[in-house]
């Protein structure tokens, strides 16, 4: 499913039930029942979490293998054997074979610390500095990685070395209910391109398999991040379980 699908849905929802933010939004406080849609063309809309959950059920969620790939820094496999000498008597060909591109919704990614609200009062938290995402490219042969990077950049306008790091943002704050644990999380839309390239003479070509996970940059006022959803994940116990995806989130700070 294309990356714009979620936000096409989100746009149709927001025309009736959500607040479309002005060009210079005032600081505002959101609850665990709200999520922020970060979509195309600078769109940023707040919609009820129930609407996001309803429509997200029709979208693919990252598998464990995809999430591990996405959360890990993968080193490209170095060649262990010398490359086959290509005969000068034949012309060198480069042939690409790609699987259909697809998009999945990533598991919760922290954009703040996990905090605990006091028993009798809610607390307000903001996006914090120092949380990050990076694009990834994994290839079975190191020698063709530059070729693959150039091809993906020209064909799909993607970058395998893109990275995004959060900075403190007071544009939005989320209220963690009294006595609860909570954290601001993002569910980035991850675009996957995978396939192989054959380089060499026909019948003697060397094949390199590859997979690329990339994001679309988005800039919303003083918050620079990627296309996806931002919301508040809340729970009663530690470790705080992800609200979207299996597993748990990080450590805790007392409010």
C-alpha atoms as a PDB file:
ATOM      1  CA  UNK A   1       0.000   0.000   0.000  1.00  0.00           C
ATOM      2  CA  UNK A   2       1.362   3.424  -0.975  1.00  0.00           C
ATOM      3  CA  UNK A   3       2.616   5.798   1.686  1.00  0.00           C
ATOM      4  CA  UNK A   4      -0.091   8.323   0.888  1.00  0.00           C
ATOM      5  CA  UNK A   5      -2.918   5.879   1.627  1.00  0.00           C
ATOM      6  CA  UNK A   6      -2.997   6.446   5.361  1.00  0.00           C
ATOM      7  CA  UNK A   7      -3.075  10.182   4.921  1.00  0.00           C
ATOM      8  CA  UNK A   8      -5.651  10.087   2.153  1.00  0.00           C
ATOM      9  CA  UNK A   9      -7.801   8.313   4.694  1.00  0.00           C
ATOM     10  CA  UNK A  10      -6.758  10.777   7.363  1.00  0.00           C
ATOM     11  CA  UNK A  11      -7.686  13.736   5.203  1.00  0.00           C
ATOM     12  CA  UNK A  12     -11.173  12.352   4.578  1.00  0.00           C
ATOM     13  CA  UNK A  13     -11.619  11.820   8.293  1.00  0.00           C
ATOM     14  CA  UNK A  14     -10.448  15.274   9.249  1.00  0.00           C
ATOM     15  CA  UNK A  15     -12.895  17.075   6.991  1.00  0.00           C
ATOM     16  CA  UNK A  16     -15.615  16.116   9.435  1.00  0.00           C
ATOM     17  CA  UNK A  17     -14.157  15.282  12.822  1.00  0.00           C
ATOM     18  CA  UNK A  18     -10.692  16.810  13.144  1.00  0.00           C
ATOM     19  CA  UNK A  19      -9.010  20.146  13.569  1.00  0.00           C
ATOM     20  CA  UNK A  20      -6.941  21.311  10.605  1.00  0.00           C
ATOM     21  CA  UNK A  21      -4.077  23.307  12.042  1.00  0.00           C
ATOM     22  CA  UNK A  22      -3.340  26.873  10.893  1.00  0.00           C
ATOM     23  CA  UNK A  23      -0.055  27.880   9.282  1.00  0.00           C
ATOM     24  CA  UNK A  24       1.296  29.109  12.619  1.00  0.00           C
ATOM     25  CA  UNK A  25      -0.395  26.961  15.270  1.00  0.00           C
ATOM     26  CA  UNK A  26      -0.535  28.067  18.873  1.00  0.00           C
ATOM     27  CA  UNK A  27       0.907  25.742  21.450  1.00  0.00           C
ATOM     28  CA  UNK A  28      -1.760  23.219  22.328  1.00  0.00           C
ATOM     29  CA  UNK A  29      -2.272  20.311  24.664  1.00  0.00           C
ATOM     30  CA  UNK A  30      -3.472  16.916  23.443  1.00  0.00           C
ATOM     31  CA  UNK A  31      -4.710  13.833  25.254  1.00  0.00           C
ATOM     32  CA  UNK A  32      -4.183  10.102  24.848  1.00  0.00           C
ATOM     33  CA  UNK A  33      -7.317  10.118  22.676  1.00  0.00           C
ATOM     34  CA  UNK A  34      -5.641  12.310  20.016  1.00  0.00           C
ATOM     35  CA  UNK A  35      -3.089  11.544  17.301  1.00  0.00           C
ATOM     36  CA  UNK A  36      -1.346  13.874  14.857  1.00  0.00           C
ATOM     37  CA  UNK A  37      -1.337  12.951  11.158  1.00  0.00           C
ATOM     38  CA  UNK A  38       1.775  14.135   9.333  1.00  0.00           C
ATOM     39  CA  UNK A  39       1.032  13.856   5.636  1.00  0.00           C
ATOM     40  CA  UNK A  40       1.796  15.283   2.209  1.00  0.00           C
ATOM     41  CA  UNK A  41       2.019  18.965   1.270  1.00  0.00           C
ATOM     42  CA  UNK A  42       2.597  20.162   4.814  1.00  0.00           C
ATOM     43  CA  UNK A  43      -0.693  18.760   6.074  1.00  0.00           C
ATOM     44  CA  UNK A  44      -0.906  18.286   9.802  1.00  0.00           C
ATOM     45  CA  UNK A  45      -4.209  17.221  11.327  1.00  0.00           C
ATOM     46  CA  UNK A  46      -5.350  16.101  14.754  1.00  0.00           C
ATOM     47  CA  UNK A  47      -7.834  13.223  14.769  1.00  0.00           C
ATOM     48  CA  UNK A  48      -9.259  10.926  17.453  1.00  0.00           C
ATOM     49  CA  UNK A  49      -7.151   7.835  18.128  1.00  0.00           C
ATOM     50  CA  UNK A  50     -10.228   5.647  17.636  1.00  0.00           C
ATOM     51  CA  UNK A  51     -10.413   6.781  14.011  1.00  0.00           C
ATOM     52  CA  UNK A  52      -6.720   6.061  13.469  1.00  0.00           C
ATOM     53  CA  UNK A  53      -7.066   2.581  14.969  1.00  0.00           C
ATOM     54  CA  UNK A  54     -10.128   1.816  12.858  1.00  0.00           C
ATOM     55  CA  UNK A  55      -8.442   2.670   9.579  1.00  0.00           C
ATOM     56  CA  UNK A  56      -4.978   1.446  10.549  1.00  0.00           C
ATOM     57  CA  UNK A  57      -6.412  -2.055  10.899  1.00  0.00           C
ATOM     58  CA  UNK A  58      -6.597  -2.164   7.103  1.00  0.00           C
ATOM     59  CA  UNK A  59      -2.923  -1.202   6.728  1.00  0.00           C
ATOM     60  CA  UNK A  60       0.064  -3.555   7.012  1.00  0.00           C
ATOM     61  CA  UNK A  61       1.889  -3.419  10.342  1.00  0.00           C
ATOM     62  CA  UNK A  62       5.628  -4.001  10.430  1.00  0.00           C
ATOM     63  CA  UNK A  63       6.594  -7.630  10.928  1.00  0.00           C
ATOM     64  CA  UNK A  64       9.169  -8.441  13.577  1.00  0.00           C
ATOM     65  CA  UNK A  65      11.786  -8.972  10.868  1.00  0.00           C
ATOM     66  CA  UNK A  66      11.007  -5.601   9.295  1.00  0.00           C
ATOM     67  CA  UNK A  67      11.083  -3.806  12.629  1.00  0.00           C
ATOM     68  CA  UNK A  68      14.413  -5.345  13.614  1.00  0.00           C
ATOM     69  CA  UNK A  69      15.835  -4.296  10.246  1.00  0.00           C
ATOM     70  CA  UNK A  70      14.415  -0.832  10.681  1.00  0.00           C
ATOM     71  CA  UNK A  71      15.707  -0.387  14.236  1.00  0.00           C
ATOM     72  CA  UNK A  72      19.178  -1.812  13.639  1.00  0.00           C
ATOM     73  CA  UNK A  73      22.262  -0.408  12.033  1.00  0.00           C
ATOM     74  CA  UNK A  74      23.036  -3.010   9.403  1.00  0.00           C
ATOM     75  CA  UNK A  75      26.491  -3.335   7.923  1.00  0.00           C
ATOM     76  CA  UNK A  76      26.702  -4.156   4.256  1.00  0.00           C
ATOM     77  CA  UNK A  77      28.162  -7.577   3.574  1.00  0.00           C
ATOM     78  CA  UNK A  78      31.716  -7.369   2.282  1.00  0.00           C
ATOM     79  CA  UNK A  79      32.727  -9.646  -0.562  1.00  0.00           C
ATOM     80  CA  UNK A  80      34.731 -12.603   0.653  1.00  0.00           C
ATOM     81  CA  UNK A  81      35.851 -13.758  -2.781  1.00  0.00           C
ATOM     82  CA  UNK A  82      37.495 -11.807  -5.572  1.00  0.00           C
ATOM     83  CA  UNK A  83      35.150 -10.631  -8.291  1.00  0.00           C
ATOM     84  CA  UNK A  84      34.975 -12.719 -11.417  1.00  0.00           C
ATOM     85  CA  UNK A  85      36.947 -11.181 -14.245  1.00  0.00           C
ATOM     86  CA  UNK A  86      34.587 -10.075 -16.976  1.00  0.00           C
ATOM     87  CA  UNK A  87      35.821 -10.872 -20.440  1.00  0.00           C
ATOM     88  CA  UNK A  88      36.700  -7.874 -22.547  1.00  0.00           C
ATOM     89  CA  UNK A  89      35.172  -9.652 -25.539  1.00  0.00           C
ATOM     90  CA  UNK A  90      31.601  -9.163 -24.267  1.00  0.00           C
ATOM     91  CA  UNK A  91      29.717  -6.037 -23.316  1.00  0.00           C
ATOM     92  CA  UNK A  92      28.972  -5.440 -19.657  1.00  0.00           C
ATOM     93  CA  UNK A  93      25.240  -5.248 -18.895  1.00  0.00           C
ATOM     94  CA  UNK A  94      23.402  -3.956 -15.825  1.00  0.00           C
ATOM     95  CA  UNK A  95      19.950  -5.484 -15.377  1.00  0.00           C
ATOM     96  CA  UNK A  96      17.563  -4.541 -12.550  1.00  0.00           C
ATOM     97  CA  UNK A  97      14.722  -6.671 -11.176  1.00  0.00           C
ATOM     98  CA  UNK A  98      12.481  -5.086  -8.543  1.00  0.00           C
ATOM     99  CA  UNK A  99       9.634  -6.393  -6.443  1.00  0.00           C
ATOM    100  CA  UNK A 100       6.629  -4.064  -6.132  1.00  0.00           C
ATOM    101  CA  UNK A 101       7.346  -1.289  -3.644  1.00  0.00           C
ATOM    102  CA  UNK A 102       5.283  -1.483  -0.484  1.00  0.00           C
ATOM    103  CA  UNK A 103       4.691   0.504   2.682  1.00  0.00           C
ATOM    104  CA  UNK A 104       4.194  -0.608   6.262  1.00  0.00           C
ATOM    105  CA  UNK A 105       3.309   1.175   9.487  1.00  0.00           C
ATOM    106  CA  UNK A 106       6.197   1.012  11.959  1.00  0.00           C
ATOM    107  CA  UNK A 107       5.847   0.054  15.590  1.00  0.00           C
ATOM    108  CA  UNK A 108       5.861   2.757  18.259  1.00  0.00           C
ATOM    109  CA  UNK A 109       9.125   4.742  18.202  1.00  0.00           C
ATOM    110  CA  UNK A 110       9.911   6.872  21.255  1.00  0.00           C
ATOM    111  CA  UNK A 111       9.926  10.651  20.842  1.00  0.00           C
ATOM    112  CA  UNK A 112      10.087  11.363  24.582  1.00  0.00           C
ATOM    113  CA  UNK A 113      11.049   9.647  27.806  1.00  0.00           C
ATOM    114  CA  UNK A 114       8.606   7.285  29.493  1.00  0.00           C
ATOM    115  CA  UNK A 115       7.228   9.215  32.463  1.00  0.00           C
ATOM    116  CA  UNK A 116       4.962   8.453  35.403  1.00  0.00           C
ATOM    117  CA  UNK A 117       2.302  10.943  36.373  1.00  0.00           C
ATOM    118  CA  UNK A 118       1.660  11.645  40.092  1.00  0.00           C
ATOM    119  CA  UNK A 119      -1.291   9.787  41.654  1.00  0.00           C
ATOM    120  CA  UNK A 120      -3.541  12.844  41.796  1.00  0.00           C
ATOM    121  CA  UNK A 121      -2.393  15.005  38.894  1.00  0.00           C
ATOM    122  CA  UNK A 122      -1.779  14.711  35.189  1.00  0.00           C
ATOM    123  CA  UNK A 123       1.498  15.955  33.728  1.00  0.00           C
ATOM    124  CA  UNK A 124       2.343  17.495  30.388  1.00  0.00           C
ATOM    125  CA  UNK A 125       5.152  16.124  28.187  1.00  0.00           C
ATOM    126  CA  UNK A 126       6.697  17.311  24.921  1.00  0.00           C
ATOM    127  CA  UNK A 127       8.750  15.859  22.105  1.00  0.00           C
ATOM    128  CA  UNK A 128      12.332  15.685  23.371  1.00  0.00           C
ATOM    129  CA  UNK A 129      15.732  16.023  21.765  1.00  0.00           C
ATOM    130  CA  UNK A 130      17.806  12.993  20.841  1.00  0.00           C
ATOM    131  CA  UNK A 131      15.420  10.403  19.376  1.00  0.00           C
ATOM    132  CA  UNK A 132      16.237   9.356  15.823  1.00  0.00           C
ATOM    133  CA  UNK A 133      15.418   7.371  12.698  1.00  0.00           C
ATOM    134  CA  UNK A 134      17.646   6.443   9.767  1.00  0.00           C
ATOM    135  CA  UNK A 135      17.054   5.051   6.305  1.00  0.00           C
ATOM    136  CA  UNK A 136      18.689   1.684   5.670  1.00  0.00           C
ATOM    137  CA  UNK A 137      20.165  -0.163   2.712  1.00  0.00           C
ATOM    138  CA  UNK A 138      21.278  -3.781   2.959  1.00  0.00           C
ATOM    139  CA  UNK A 139      23.052  -5.466   0.041  1.00  0.00           C
ATOM    140  CA  UNK A 140      24.634  -8.866  -0.452  1.00  0.00           C
ATOM    141  CA  UNK A 141      27.735  -7.356  -2.084  1.00  0.00           C
ATOM    142  CA  UNK A 142      29.548  -4.204  -1.015  1.00  0.00           C
ATOM    143  CA  UNK A 143      30.960  -3.506  -4.480  1.00  0.00           C
ATOM    144  CA  UNK A 144      27.602  -2.526  -5.991  1.00  0.00           C
ATOM    145  CA  UNK A 145      26.152  -0.453  -3.144  1.00  0.00           C
ATOM    146  CA  UNK A 146      26.996   2.890  -4.755  1.00  0.00           C
ATOM    147  CA  UNK A 147      25.345   1.703  -7.959  1.00  0.00           C
ATOM    148  CA  UNK A 148      22.222   0.675  -6.028  1.00  0.00           C
ATOM    149  CA  UNK A 149      22.111   3.953  -4.090  1.00  0.00           C
ATOM    150  CA  UNK A 150      22.330   5.955  -7.324  1.00  0.00           C
ATOM    151  CA  UNK A 151      19.631   3.865  -9.005  1.00  0.00           C
ATOM    152  CA  UNK A 152      17.188   4.226  -6.089  1.00  0.00           C
ATOM    153  CA  UNK A 153      17.855   7.958  -5.834  1.00  0.00           C
ATOM    154  CA  UNK A 154      17.203   8.520  -9.536  1.00  0.00           C
ATOM    155  CA  UNK A 155      14.259   6.133  -9.852  1.00  0.00           C
ATOM    156  CA  UNK A 156      12.425   6.870  -6.601  1.00  0.00           C
ATOM    157  CA  UNK A 157      14.045  10.021  -5.149  1.00  0.00           C
ATOM    158  CA  UNK A 158      15.101   8.079  -2.062  1.00  0.00           C
ATOM    159  CA  UNK A 159      18.245   8.363   0.028  1.00  0.00           C
ATOM    160  CA  UNK A 160      19.773   5.404   1.822  1.00  0.00           C
ATOM    161  CA  UNK A 161      21.671   7.639   4.243  1.00  0.00           C
ATOM    162  CA  UNK A 162      18.795   9.869   5.340  1.00  0.00           C
ATOM    163  CA  UNK A 163      18.563  10.447   9.083  1.00  0.00           C
ATOM    164  CA  UNK A 164      16.204  12.375  11.328  1.00  0.00           C
ATOM    165  CA  UNK A 165      16.762  13.443  14.918  1.00  0.00           C
ATOM    166  CA  UNK A 166      14.155  15.001  17.176  1.00  0.00           C
ATOM    167  CA  UNK A 167      14.618  18.364  18.824  1.00  0.00           C
ATOM    168  CA  UNK A 168      12.591  19.804  21.670  1.00  0.00           C
ATOM    169  CA  UNK A 169       9.217  21.016  20.435  1.00  0.00           C
ATOM    170  CA  UNK A 170       6.632  22.952  22.422  1.00  0.00           C
ATOM    171  CA  UNK A 171       4.159  23.151  19.537  1.00  0.00           C
ATOM    172  CA  UNK A 172       2.298  20.181  20.978  1.00  0.00           C
ATOM    173  CA  UNK A 173       2.206  18.698  24.435  1.00  0.00           C
ATOM    174  CA  UNK A 174       0.402  15.581  25.613  1.00  0.00           C
ATOM    175  CA  UNK A 175      -1.275  15.108  28.989  1.00  0.00           C
ATOM    176  CA  UNK A 176      -0.389  11.872  30.800  1.00  0.00           C
ATOM    177  CA  UNK A 177      -3.368  11.012  33.063  1.00  0.00           C
ATOM    178  CA  UNK A 178      -2.897  10.876  36.831  1.00  0.00           C
ATOM    179  CA  UNK A 179      -1.187   7.713  38.036  1.00  0.00           C
ATOM    180  CA  UNK A 180      -0.360   6.496  34.516  1.00  0.00           C
ATOM    181  CA  UNK A 181       2.852   5.829  32.630  1.00  0.00           C
ATOM    182  CA  UNK A 182       3.123   7.519  29.260  1.00  0.00           C
ATOM    183  CA  UNK A 183       5.388   8.496  26.365  1.00  0.00           C
ATOM    184  CA  UNK A 184       5.081  10.337  23.063  1.00  0.00           C
ATOM    185  CA  UNK A 185       5.569   7.901  20.185  1.00  0.00           C
ATOM    186  CA  UNK A 186       5.722   7.988  16.404  1.00  0.00           C
ATOM    187  CA  UNK A 187       4.505   5.416  13.895  1.00  0.00           C
ATOM    188  CA  UNK A 188       6.523   6.227  10.761  1.00  0.00           C
ATOM    189  CA  UNK A 189       5.443   5.075   7.332  1.00  0.00           C
ATOM    190  CA  UNK A 190       8.318   3.012   5.925  1.00  0.00           C
ATOM    191  CA  UNK A 191       8.710   2.582   2.162  1.00  0.00           C
ATOM    192  CA  UNK A 192      10.404  -0.633   1.041  1.00  0.00           C
ATOM    193  CA  UNK A 193      12.211  -1.192  -2.265  1.00  0.00           C
ATOM    194  CA  UNK A 194      13.783  -4.600  -2.774  1.00  0.00           C
ATOM    195  CA  UNK A 195      15.108  -6.694  -5.621  1.00  0.00           C
ATOM    196  CA  UNK A 196      18.397  -7.573  -7.288  1.00  0.00           C
ATOM    197  CA  UNK A 197      20.806  -6.281  -9.903  1.00  0.00           C
ATOM    198  CA  UNK A 198      22.887  -8.376 -12.312  1.00  0.00           C
ATOM    199  CA  UNK A 199      26.144  -6.809 -13.500  1.00  0.00           C
ATOM    200  CA  UNK A 200      28.363  -8.382 -16.166  1.00  0.00           C
ATOM    201  CA  UNK A 201      28.229 -10.366 -19.368  1.00  0.00           C
ATOM    202  CA  UNK A 202      25.133 -12.405 -20.156  1.00  0.00           C
ATOM    203  CA  UNK A 203      25.555 -15.793 -18.528  1.00  0.00           C
ATOM    204  CA  UNK A 204      28.423 -14.541 -16.343  1.00  0.00           C
ATOM    205  CA  UNK A 205      26.788 -11.678 -14.457  1.00  0.00           C
ATOM    206  CA  UNK A 206      27.215 -11.238 -10.721  1.00  0.00           C
ATOM    207  CA  UNK A 207      23.969 -10.811  -8.796  1.00  0.00           C
ATOM    208  CA  UNK A 208      23.509  -8.511  -5.801  1.00  0.00           C
ATOM    209  CA  UNK A 209      20.300  -8.678  -3.778  1.00  0.00           C
ATOM    210  CA  UNK A 210      19.231  -5.594  -1.847  1.00  0.00           C
ATOM    211  CA  UNK A 211      16.491  -4.120   0.333  1.00  0.00           C
ATOM    212  CA  UNK A 212      16.000  -0.445   1.148  1.00  0.00           C
ATOM    213  CA  UNK A 213      13.863   1.072   3.918  1.00  0.00           C
ATOM    214  CA  UNK A 214      13.275   4.808   3.542  1.00  0.00           C
ATOM    215  CA  UNK A 215      11.090   7.604   4.925  1.00  0.00           C
ATOM    216  CA  UNK A 216       9.633  10.827   3.556  1.00  0.00           C
ATOM    217  CA  UNK A 217      10.905  13.980   5.267  1.00  0.00           C
ATOM    218  CA  UNK A 218       8.319  16.343   6.684  1.00  0.00           C
ATOM    219  CA  UNK A 219       8.853  19.756   8.271  1.00  0.00           C
ATOM    220  CA  UNK A 220       6.086  21.116  10.478  1.00  0.00           C
ATOM    221  CA  UNK A 221       6.957  24.468  12.019  1.00  0.00           C
ATOM    222  CA  UNK A 222       9.772  23.701  14.489  1.00  0.00           C
ATOM    223  CA  UNK A 223       9.251  19.931  14.305  1.00  0.00           C
ATOM    224  CA  UNK A 224      11.279  18.156  11.601  1.00  0.00           C
ATOM    225  CA  UNK A 225      10.413  14.480  11.306  1.00  0.00           C
ATOM    226  CA  UNK A 226       9.031  11.917   8.839  1.00  0.00           C
ATOM    227  CA  UNK A 227       5.667  11.081   7.350  1.00  0.00           C
ATOM    228  CA  UNK A 228       3.585   9.156   9.856  1.00  0.00           C
ATOM    229  CA  UNK A 229       1.587   9.526  13.048  1.00  0.00           C
ATOM    230  CA  UNK A 230       2.529  10.956  16.457  1.00  0.00           C
ATOM    231  CA  UNK A 231       0.542  10.232  19.600  1.00  0.00           C
ATOM    232  CA  UNK A 232       0.651   9.374  23.291  1.00  0.00           C
ATOM    233  CA  UNK A 233       1.067   5.787  24.483  1.00  0.00           C
ATOM    234  CA  UNK A 234      -0.297   5.227  28.002  1.00  0.00           C
ATOM    235  CA  UNK A 235      -0.225   2.233  30.338  1.00  0.00           C
ATOM    236  CA  UNK A 236      -0.549   1.153  33.960  1.00  0.00           C
ATOM    237  CA  UNK A 237       2.685  -0.785  34.438  1.00  0.00           C
ATOM    238  CA  UNK A 238       6.352  -0.941  33.530  1.00  0.00           C
ATOM    239  CA  UNK A 239       7.761  -1.758  31.152  1.00  0.00           C
ATOM    240  CA  UNK A 240       5.312   0.329  29.149  1.00  0.00           C
ATOM    241  CA  UNK A 241       3.851  -1.868  26.419  1.00  0.00           C
ATOM    242  CA  UNK A 242       3.759  -0.476  22.901  1.00  0.00           C
ATOM    243  CA  UNK A 243       0.311   0.771  21.926  1.00  0.00           C
ATOM    244  CA  UNK A 244       0.962  -0.142  18.277  1.00  0.00           C
ATOM    245  CA  UNK A 245       3.114  -3.200  17.767  1.00  0.00           C
ATOM    246  CA  UNK A 246       4.350  -5.855  20.220  1.00  0.00           C
ATOM    247  CA  UNK A 247       7.030  -5.422  22.866  1.00  0.00           C
ATOM    248  CA  UNK A 248       7.729  -2.567  25.252  1.00  0.00           C
ATOM    249  CA  UNK A 249       9.224   0.922  25.332  1.00  0.00           C
ATOM    250  CA  UNK A 250      12.159   2.340  27.331  1.00  0.00           C
ATOM    251  CA  UNK A 251      12.898   3.429  30.909  1.00  0.00           C
ATOM    252  CA  UNK A 252      10.905   5.730  33.141  1.00  0.00           C
ATOM    253  CA  UNK A 253      11.159   9.192  34.662  1.00  0.00           C
ATOM    254  CA  UNK A 254       8.916  10.301  37.507  1.00  0.00           C
ATOM    255  CA  UNK A 255       6.696  13.270  36.904  1.00  0.00           C
END
